[in-house]
């Protein structure tokens, strides 16, 4: 309130006007806290503090809404500005959505005050007991010994990917069919050795046959017939047994 030279008194509002904007007086209470939505921040405590400051400064809903948005940090700020504009501009609806998103975080803190490790361990245990569809899968994830809930989720996803990859590999993999040779019960080690030795000698003898010697009765190259039941050496080879007289056995040496 000021008086001019004529004694006229003029009452001014309790604000300063600079370039058309109302500037709050210097005795207004500042907001010294922010809210990020982290583990240490409890929404109920912060909003109670903020509303006390708002009442002390006699803010209306619009002023309270703008200051509230300016105090948000981190994931709380991202969540608030990600809401529709119609909710951001409504003070009551904005507080309700923030309470719905961040108000429940205080419940687990009240259950174990000063012991956040117990809360984390309970989260991990509950997740590991219910993840997967088989006990083998759950044991495989537990063997990784995760320290946080995020690590438990990542380990379970990796285990699931490995198992799916193994199933796909087994589905498209075709085993190679290899022949299996069986040795009859009557063939001992000596018989097998004699058979191998006879085959080797026969090959040597055939290499000594002259080039003009007719083989297979002049019918050309044919595969040799082996009777597994009677073939055990050179003396029983069909090449040297029952030879016709017109084709005597070739001489060896001079």
Protein backbone atom coordinates (compact mmCIF):
# COMPACT_ATOMS: atom_id res chain seq x y z
CA UNK A 1 0.00 0.00 0.00
CA UNK A 2 1.51 3.37 -1.10
CA UNK A 3 0.35 7.02 -0.86
CA UNK A 4 0.93 9.74 -3.44
CA UNK A 5 1.45 13.49 -2.87
CA UNK A 6 -2.29 14.09 -2.79
CA UNK A 7 -2.74 11.57 0.01
CA UNK A 8 -4.40 8.97 -2.19
CA UNK A 9 -3.63 5.42 -1.10
CA UNK A 10 -3.28 2.61 -3.61
CA UNK A 11 -3.26 -1.09 -2.67
CA UNK A 12 -1.12 -3.43 -4.82
CA UNK A 13 -1.48 -7.19 -5.01
CA UNK A 14 1.02 -9.42 -3.27
CA UNK A 15 2.86 -10.23 -6.53
CA UNK A 16 5.36 -8.60 -8.83
CA UNK A 17 4.55 -8.02 -12.48
CA UNK A 18 7.41 -8.34 -14.95
CA UNK A 19 6.56 -8.21 -18.64
CA UNK A 20 2.99 -9.28 -18.00
CA UNK A 21 3.84 -12.24 -15.69
CA UNK A 22 3.05 -12.47 -12.00
CA UNK A 23 6.19 -13.25 -10.03
CA UNK A 24 5.64 -14.82 -6.60
CA UNK A 25 6.97 -12.96 -3.63
CA UNK A 26 10.23 -14.01 -2.05
CA UNK A 27 8.53 -15.44 1.04
CA UNK A 28 6.89 -18.31 -0.91
CA UNK A 29 7.88 -21.77 0.31
CA UNK A 30 9.94 -23.66 -2.32
CA UNK A 31 9.53 -27.32 -3.11
CA UNK A 32 12.84 -28.92 -2.14
CA UNK A 33 11.97 -32.56 -2.86
CA UNK A 34 11.61 -34.46 -6.10
CA UNK A 35 10.10 -37.82 -6.92
CA UNK A 36 11.72 -40.36 -9.29
CA UNK A 37 9.80 -43.56 -8.48
CA UNK A 38 12.97 -45.37 -7.39
CA UNK A 39 13.09 -47.82 -4.49
CA UNK A 40 13.93 -45.08 -1.95
CA UNK A 41 11.04 -42.83 -3.02
CA UNK A 42 7.64 -43.43 -1.47
CA UNK A 43 4.83 -41.73 -3.32
CA UNK A 44 2.53 -41.34 -0.33
CA UNK A 45 5.19 -39.48 1.63
CA UNK A 46 6.12 -37.26 -1.29
CA UNK A 47 2.56 -36.27 -2.22
CA UNK A 48 1.78 -35.43 1.41
CA UNK A 49 4.82 -33.16 1.54
CA UNK A 50 3.88 -31.57 -1.79
CA UNK A 51 0.29 -30.84 -0.74
CA UNK A 52 1.52 -29.18 2.47
CA UNK A 53 3.70 -26.84 0.41
CA UNK A 54 0.78 -26.19 -1.93
CA UNK A 55 -1.49 -25.19 0.97
CA UNK A 56 1.16 -22.95 2.53
CA UNK A 57 1.63 -21.12 -0.78
CA UNK A 58 -2.12 -21.02 -1.47
CA UNK A 59 -1.79 -22.57 -4.92
CA UNK A 60 -4.79 -23.39 -7.03
CA UNK A 61 -5.14 -26.69 -8.86
CA UNK A 62 -3.54 -25.40 -12.05
CA UNK A 63 -0.48 -24.07 -10.21
CA UNK A 64 -0.19 -27.27 -8.17
CA UNK A 65 -0.41 -29.40 -11.34
CA UNK A 66 2.40 -27.50 -13.06
CA UNK A 67 4.71 -27.56 -10.06
CA UNK A 68 3.99 -31.26 -9.47
CA UNK A 69 5.04 -32.11 -13.04
CA UNK A 70 8.22 -30.08 -12.61
CA UNK A 71 9.23 -32.08 -9.53
CA UNK A 72 9.10 -35.48 -11.25
CA UNK A 73 12.32 -37.21 -12.27
CA UNK A 74 13.39 -40.48 -13.92
CA UNK A 75 10.75 -43.11 -14.55
CA UNK A 76 8.09 -41.06 -12.75
CA UNK A 77 8.62 -38.19 -15.19
CA UNK A 78 8.57 -40.56 -18.16
CA UNK A 79 5.33 -42.12 -16.96
CA UNK A 80 3.62 -38.78 -16.34
CA UNK A 81 4.49 -37.28 -19.71
CA UNK A 82 3.54 -40.51 -21.43
CA UNK A 83 -0.08 -40.18 -20.30
CA UNK A 84 -2.70 -38.53 -22.51
CA UNK A 85 -2.69 -34.74 -22.44
CA UNK A 86 -6.22 -34.63 -21.06
CA UNK A 87 -4.97 -36.43 -17.92
CA UNK A 88 -1.85 -34.32 -17.64
CA UNK A 89 -3.96 -31.17 -17.53
CA UNK A 90 -6.30 -32.49 -14.84
CA UNK A 91 -4.72 -32.16 -11.40
CA UNK A 92 -6.90 -34.75 -9.66
CA UNK A 93 -6.69 -37.35 -12.42
CA UNK A 94 -2.92 -36.86 -12.63
CA UNK A 95 -2.52 -37.54 -8.90
CA UNK A 96 -4.79 -40.59 -9.13
CA UNK A 97 -2.79 -42.12 -11.97
CA UNK A 98 0.49 -41.49 -10.16
CA UNK A 99 -0.94 -43.08 -7.03
CA UNK A 100 -2.08 -46.09 -9.04
CA UNK A 101 1.37 -46.52 -10.60
CA UNK A 102 3.74 -45.73 -7.71
CA UNK A 103 1.63 -45.99 -4.57
CA UNK A 104 1.96 -49.77 -4.21
CA UNK A 105 5.77 -49.65 -3.95
CA UNK A 106 5.52 -48.56 -0.33
CA UNK A 107 3.67 -51.75 0.71
CA UNK A 108 6.69 -54.05 0.32
CA UNK A 109 8.88 -51.50 2.09
CA UNK A 110 6.55 -51.43 5.09
CA UNK A 111 6.53 -55.23 5.30
CA UNK A 112 10.34 -55.39 5.74
CA UNK A 113 11.57 -51.95 6.84
CA UNK A 114 15.32 -51.68 6.48
CA UNK A 115 15.62 -55.11 4.79
CA UNK A 116 15.18 -54.71 1.02
CA UNK A 117 17.34 -57.83 0.48
CA UNK A 118 14.63 -60.03 1.99
CA UNK A 119 12.08 -58.56 -0.40
CA UNK A 120 14.32 -59.26 -3.38
CA UNK A 121 15.00 -62.82 -2.25
CA UNK A 122 11.27 -63.48 -1.87
CA UNK A 123 10.66 -62.18 -5.38
CA UNK A 124 13.35 -64.47 -6.82
CA UNK A 125 12.12 -67.51 -4.91
CA UNK A 126 8.52 -66.98 -5.99
CA UNK A 127 9.58 -66.61 -9.61
CA UNK A 128 11.86 -69.68 -9.64
CA UNK A 129 9.21 -71.88 -8.00
CA UNK A 130 6.67 -71.13 -10.74
CA UNK A 131 8.70 -70.58 -13.91
CA UNK A 132 8.64 -73.18 -16.66
CA UNK A 133 6.45 -76.23 -17.14
CA UNK A 134 8.79 -78.90 -15.77
CA UNK A 135 10.92 -79.49 -12.72
CA UNK A 136 13.98 -80.04 -14.90
CA UNK A 137 13.62 -76.53 -16.36
CA UNK A 138 13.25 -74.92 -12.94
CA UNK A 139 16.31 -76.74 -11.60
CA UNK A 140 18.36 -75.59 -14.59
CA UNK A 141 17.43 -71.96 -13.90
CA UNK A 142 18.09 -72.31 -10.16
CA UNK A 143 21.59 -73.62 -10.87
CA UNK A 144 22.46 -70.23 -12.39
CA UNK A 145 22.02 -68.70 -8.88
CA UNK A 146 20.57 -65.30 -9.90
CA UNK A 147 21.11 -62.39 -7.49
CA UNK A 148 18.21 -60.24 -8.69
CA UNK A 149 14.78 -60.82 -10.16
CA UNK A 150 15.95 -59.38 -13.48
CA UNK A 151 18.80 -61.90 -13.65
CA UNK A 152 16.37 -64.73 -12.93
CA UNK A 153 14.11 -63.64 -15.80
CA UNK A 154 17.06 -63.32 -18.21
CA UNK A 155 18.46 -66.74 -17.23
CA UNK A 156 15.08 -68.41 -17.69
CA UNK A 157 14.70 -66.85 -21.15
CA UNK A 158 18.16 -68.06 -22.16
CA UNK A 159 17.38 -71.58 -20.93
CA UNK A 160 14.12 -71.61 -22.88
CA UNK A 161 15.89 -70.47 -26.05
CA UNK A 162 18.50 -73.21 -25.69
CA UNK A 163 15.86 -75.89 -25.24
CA UNK A 164 13.85 -74.71 -28.24
CA UNK A 165 17.02 -74.70 -30.35
CA UNK A 166 17.85 -78.27 -29.31
CA UNK A 167 14.33 -79.43 -30.22
CA UNK A 168 14.58 -77.85 -33.67
CA UNK A 169 18.00 -79.43 -34.22
CA UNK A 170 16.75 -82.89 -33.26
CA UNK A 171 13.73 -82.48 -35.53
CA UNK A 172 15.76 -81.67 -38.65
CA UNK A 173 18.75 -83.92 -37.93
CA UNK A 174 18.86 -87.21 -39.86
CA UNK A 175 21.26 -89.84 -38.47
CA UNK A 176 23.67 -91.44 -40.94
CA UNK A 177 22.86 -95.06 -41.67
CA UNK A 178 26.09 -97.05 -41.50
CA UNK A 179 26.30 -100.76 -42.49
CA UNK A 180 26.81 -103.20 -39.64
CA UNK A 181 28.73 -106.40 -40.28
CA UNK A 182 28.01 -109.38 -38.11
CA UNK A 183 30.39 -112.26 -37.44
CA UNK A 184 28.73 -115.63 -37.12
CA UNK A 185 29.16 -117.62 -33.97
CA UNK A 186 31.16 -120.36 -35.77
CA UNK A 187 33.81 -117.91 -36.95
CA UNK A 188 36.44 -117.46 -34.34
CA UNK A 189 39.43 -115.17 -34.44
CA UNK A 190 41.46 -117.82 -36.26
CA UNK A 191 38.82 -118.19 -38.99
CA UNK A 192 38.63 -114.46 -39.56
CA UNK A 193 42.42 -114.22 -39.74
CA UNK A 194 42.58 -117.12 -42.20
CA UNK A 195 39.91 -115.52 -44.36
CA UNK A 196 41.79 -112.24 -44.54
CA UNK A 197 45.07 -114.01 -45.31
CA UNK A 198 43.43 -116.10 -48.07
CA UNK A 199 41.98 -113.01 -49.70
CA UNK A 200 45.34 -111.30 -49.69
CA UNK A 201 47.09 -114.34 -51.25
CA UNK A 202 44.42 -114.66 -53.91
CA UNK A 203 44.91 -111.08 -54.95
CA UNK A 204 48.65 -111.68 -55.28
CA UNK A 205 48.09 -114.82 -57.36
CA UNK A 206 45.68 -113.08 -59.68
CA UNK A 207 48.22 -110.35 -60.35
CA UNK A 208 50.66 -113.04 -61.57
CA UNK A 209 48.25 -114.40 -64.21
CA UNK A 210 49.42 -113.54 -67.81
CA UNK A 211 47.52 -110.87 -69.70
CA UNK A 212 46.47 -113.34 -72.46
CA UNK A 213 44.94 -115.73 -69.97
CA UNK A 214 41.15 -115.75 -70.42
CA UNK A 215 39.23 -115.02 -67.29
CA UNK A 216 35.62 -115.86 -66.46
CA UNK A 217 35.49 -118.14 -69.56
CA UNK A 218 35.86 -115.14 -71.89
CA UNK A 219 32.64 -113.52 -70.72
CA UNK A 220 34.29 -110.34 -69.59
CA UNK A 221 34.69 -108.81 -66.18
CA UNK A 222 32.28 -110.07 -63.58
CA UNK A 223 32.04 -109.73 -59.87
CA UNK A 224 33.44 -112.59 -57.83
CA UNK A 225 31.03 -114.75 -55.91
CA UNK A 226 31.78 -115.53 -52.30
CA UNK A 227 29.91 -118.03 -50.27
CA UNK A 228 30.22 -116.82 -46.70
CA UNK A 229 29.39 -120.25 -45.32
CA UNK A 230 32.29 -122.06 -47.00
CA UNK A 231 34.79 -119.32 -47.75
CA UNK A 232 37.63 -119.37 -45.24
CA UNK A 233 40.82 -119.25 -47.34
CA UNK A 234 42.55 -119.67 -50.69
CA UNK A 235 42.07 -123.48 -51.00
CA UNK A 236 38.30 -123.05 -51.20
CA UNK A 237 38.31 -120.13 -53.61
CA UNK A 238 35.99 -120.63 -56.62
CA UNK A 239 38.87 -119.51 -58.85
CA UNK A 240 41.04 -122.56 -58.10
CA UNK A 241 38.35 -125.14 -57.37
CA UNK A 242 36.80 -127.33 -60.11
CA UNK A 243 38.92 -125.69 -62.84
CA UNK A 244 38.21 -127.17 -66.35
CA UNK A 245 41.06 -129.20 -67.92
CA UNK A 246 41.35 -126.86 -70.89
CA UNK A 247 42.31 -124.08 -68.47
CA UNK A 248 45.04 -125.50 -66.29
CA UNK A 249 46.31 -123.63 -63.30
CA UNK A 250 49.05 -121.22 -64.39
CA UNK A 251 52.58 -122.15 -63.56
CA UNK A 252 54.55 -120.14 -61.10
CA UNK A 253 58.15 -119.50 -61.80
CA UNK A 254 60.26 -120.55 -64.82
